[in-house]
C-alpha cells in the first residue's frame, strides 16, 4: 500500500509546508481546516501520524 499523504511546499504560503493528499495533490483537510502554513517538522509529524492511521484502518 502506498502512502496516502506526503509533505510538500505550501501552494499559498512562502517558506511554509503542507500535508498533501496524493490522490488530489491538494492540502489535506481535517475538520474543515486545510493542513497548510506549517513548519516542515509539523508537516512531517502529521504525515507520519496520518499515514500510520490510514494503514491501521485498512488492516484486516
N, C-alpha and C. Protein backbone atom coordinates (compact mmCIF):
# COMPACT_ATOMS: atom_id res chain seq x y z
N UNK A 1 0.85 -1.18 0.00
CA UNK A 1 0.00 0.00 0.00
C UNK A 1 0.90 1.24 0.00
N UNK A 2 0.64 2.15 -0.90
CA UNK A 2 1.43 3.37 -0.95
C UNK A 2 0.85 4.40 0.02
N UNK A 3 1.69 5.35 0.38
CA UNK A 3 1.29 6.38 1.34
C UNK A 3 0.19 7.26 0.75
N UNK A 4 -0.75 7.62 1.60
CA UNK A 4 -1.87 8.46 1.17
C UNK A 4 -1.51 9.95 1.24
N UNK A 5 -0.59 10.31 2.14
CA UNK A 5 -0.23 11.71 2.36
C UNK A 5 1.27 11.91 2.21
N UNK A 6 1.64 13.14 1.86
CA UNK A 6 3.05 13.50 1.75
C UNK A 6 3.24 14.96 2.17
N UNK A 7 4.49 15.32 2.44
CA UNK A 7 4.85 16.70 2.75
C UNK A 7 5.19 17.41 1.45
N UNK A 8 4.70 18.62 1.29
CA UNK A 8 5.02 19.43 0.11
C UNK A 8 5.08 20.89 0.51
N UNK A 9 5.79 21.67 -0.29
CA UNK A 9 5.81 23.11 -0.04
C UNK A 9 4.40 23.65 -0.16
N UNK A 10 4.08 24.59 0.69
CA UNK A 10 2.75 25.20 0.67
C UNK A 10 2.48 25.85 -0.68
N UNK A 11 1.30 25.60 -1.26
CA UNK A 11 0.97 26.26 -2.52
C UNK A 11 0.60 27.73 -2.33
N UNK A 12 0.45 28.16 -1.08
CA UNK A 12 -0.01 29.52 -0.80
C UNK A 12 1.02 30.34 -0.02
N UNK A 13 1.62 29.73 1.01
CA UNK A 13 2.47 30.46 1.94
C UNK A 13 3.95 30.20 1.67
N UNK A 14 4.68 31.24 1.33
CA UNK A 14 6.10 31.14 1.02
C UNK A 14 6.89 30.67 2.24
N UNK A 15 7.70 29.65 2.06
CA UNK A 15 8.53 29.14 3.14
C UNK A 15 7.81 28.25 4.13
N UNK A 16 6.58 27.92 3.86
CA UNK A 16 5.79 27.04 4.73
C UNK A 16 5.51 25.73 4.02
N UNK A 17 4.95 24.78 4.76
CA UNK A 17 4.74 23.43 4.25
C UNK A 17 3.31 22.99 4.45
N UNK A 18 2.92 21.96 3.70
CA UNK A 18 1.55 21.44 3.77
C UNK A 18 1.57 19.92 3.80
N UNK A 19 0.51 19.35 4.33
CA UNK A 19 0.25 17.91 4.22
C UNK A 19 -0.64 17.75 3.00
N UNK A 20 -0.14 17.06 1.99
CA UNK A 20 -0.86 16.94 0.72
C UNK A 20 -1.38 15.51 0.56
N UNK A 21 -2.63 15.41 0.13
CA UNK A 21 -3.22 14.11 -0.16
C UNK A 21 -2.82 13.72 -1.58
N UNK A 22 -2.17 12.58 -1.72
CA UNK A 22 -1.65 12.16 -3.02
C UNK A 22 -2.72 12.02 -4.09
N UNK A 23 -3.91 11.61 -3.72
CA UNK A 23 -4.96 11.38 -4.71
C UNK A 23 -5.51 12.68 -5.32
N UNK A 24 -5.38 13.79 -4.60
CA UNK A 24 -5.91 15.07 -5.09
C UNK A 24 -4.82 16.08 -5.40
N UNK A 25 -3.62 15.84 -4.87
CA UNK A 25 -2.49 16.77 -5.00
C UNK A 25 -2.80 18.13 -4.36
N UNK A 26 -3.70 18.14 -3.39
CA UNK A 26 -4.09 19.36 -2.67
C UNK A 26 -3.86 19.14 -1.18
N UNK A 27 -3.73 20.24 -0.42
CA UNK A 27 -3.59 20.08 1.03
C UNK A 27 -4.76 19.29 1.62
N UNK A 28 -4.43 18.39 2.53
CA UNK A 28 -5.45 17.61 3.22
C UNK A 28 -6.29 18.54 4.09
N UNK A 29 -7.55 18.20 4.26
CA UNK A 29 -8.45 19.00 5.09
C UNK A 29 -8.96 18.11 6.22
N UNK A 30 -8.79 18.60 7.45
CA UNK A 30 -9.24 17.89 8.64
C UNK A 30 -10.22 18.79 9.39
N UNK A 31 -11.44 18.31 9.55
CA UNK A 31 -12.50 19.07 10.23
C UNK A 31 -12.62 20.49 9.68
N UNK A 32 -12.55 20.61 8.35
CA UNK A 32 -12.72 21.89 7.68
C UNK A 32 -11.49 22.77 7.62
N UNK A 33 -10.37 22.30 8.16
CA UNK A 33 -9.15 23.10 8.20
C UNK A 33 -8.09 22.50 7.28
N UNK A 34 -7.61 23.26 6.28
CA UNK A 34 -6.54 22.74 5.43
C UNK A 34 -5.24 22.65 6.23
N UNK A 35 -4.52 21.56 6.05
CA UNK A 35 -3.25 21.38 6.74
C UNK A 35 -2.16 22.06 5.92
N UNK A 36 -2.09 23.36 6.06
CA UNK A 36 -1.21 24.23 5.29
C UNK A 36 -0.61 25.27 6.24
N UNK A 37 0.43 25.96 5.80
CA UNK A 37 1.09 27.00 6.60
C UNK A 37 1.74 26.39 7.84
N UNK A 38 2.39 25.24 7.65
CA UNK A 38 3.03 24.51 8.74
C UNK A 38 4.55 24.63 8.65
N UNK A 39 5.23 24.38 9.78
CA UNK A 39 6.68 24.21 9.71
C UNK A 39 6.93 22.84 9.08
N UNK A 40 8.13 22.63 8.59
CA UNK A 40 8.43 21.34 7.98
C UNK A 40 8.31 20.22 9.01
N UNK A 41 8.68 20.46 10.25
CA UNK A 41 8.58 19.42 11.28
C UNK A 41 7.12 19.10 11.60
N UNK A 42 6.28 20.12 11.69
CA UNK A 42 4.85 19.88 11.91
C UNK A 42 4.26 19.04 10.78
N UNK A 43 4.60 19.39 9.55
CA UNK A 43 4.08 18.66 8.39
C UNK A 43 4.56 17.21 8.40
N UNK A 44 5.85 16.99 8.70
CA UNK A 44 6.38 15.62 8.75
C UNK A 44 5.68 14.80 9.83
N UNK A 45 5.51 15.39 11.00
CA UNK A 45 4.85 14.68 12.10
C UNK A 45 3.41 14.31 11.73
N UNK A 46 2.68 15.25 11.13
CA UNK A 46 1.30 14.97 10.74
C UNK A 46 1.22 13.91 9.65
N UNK A 47 2.12 13.96 8.68
CA UNK A 47 2.13 12.96 7.61
C UNK A 47 2.39 11.58 8.19
N UNK A 48 3.35 11.47 9.10
CA UNK A 48 3.63 10.17 9.74
C UNK A 48 2.40 9.67 10.48
N UNK A 49 1.79 10.53 11.27
CA UNK A 49 0.61 10.16 12.05
C UNK A 49 -0.54 9.73 11.14
N UNK A 50 -0.82 10.53 10.12
CA UNK A 50 -1.96 10.26 9.24
C UNK A 50 -1.74 9.02 8.38
N UNK A 51 -0.52 8.82 7.87
CA UNK A 51 -0.26 7.62 7.07
C UNK A 51 -0.32 6.36 7.94
N UNK A 52 0.21 6.42 9.16
CA UNK A 52 0.14 5.26 10.05
C UNK A 52 -1.31 4.94 10.41
N UNK A 53 -2.10 5.96 10.66
CA UNK A 53 -3.51 5.74 10.99
C UNK A 53 -4.26 5.14 9.79
N UNK A 54 -3.95 5.64 8.59
CA UNK A 54 -4.60 5.11 7.38
C UNK A 54 -4.24 3.64 7.17
N UNK A 55 -2.98 3.29 7.39
CA UNK A 55 -2.54 1.90 7.23
C UNK A 55 -3.27 1.00 8.22
N UNK A 56 -3.34 1.44 9.48
CA UNK A 56 -4.03 0.63 10.50
C UNK A 56 -5.52 0.49 10.19
N UNK A 57 -6.12 1.51 9.62
CA UNK A 57 -7.55 1.46 9.30
C UNK A 57 -7.85 0.44 8.20
N UNK A 58 -6.84 0.13 7.37
CA UNK A 58 -7.06 -0.79 6.26
C UNK A 58 -6.50 -2.18 6.51
N UNK A 59 -6.02 -2.43 7.72
CA UNK A 59 -5.52 -3.77 8.05
C UNK A 59 -6.69 -4.72 8.27
N UNK A 60 -6.50 -5.98 7.87
CA UNK A 60 -7.58 -6.96 8.06
C UNK A 60 -7.82 -7.27 9.54
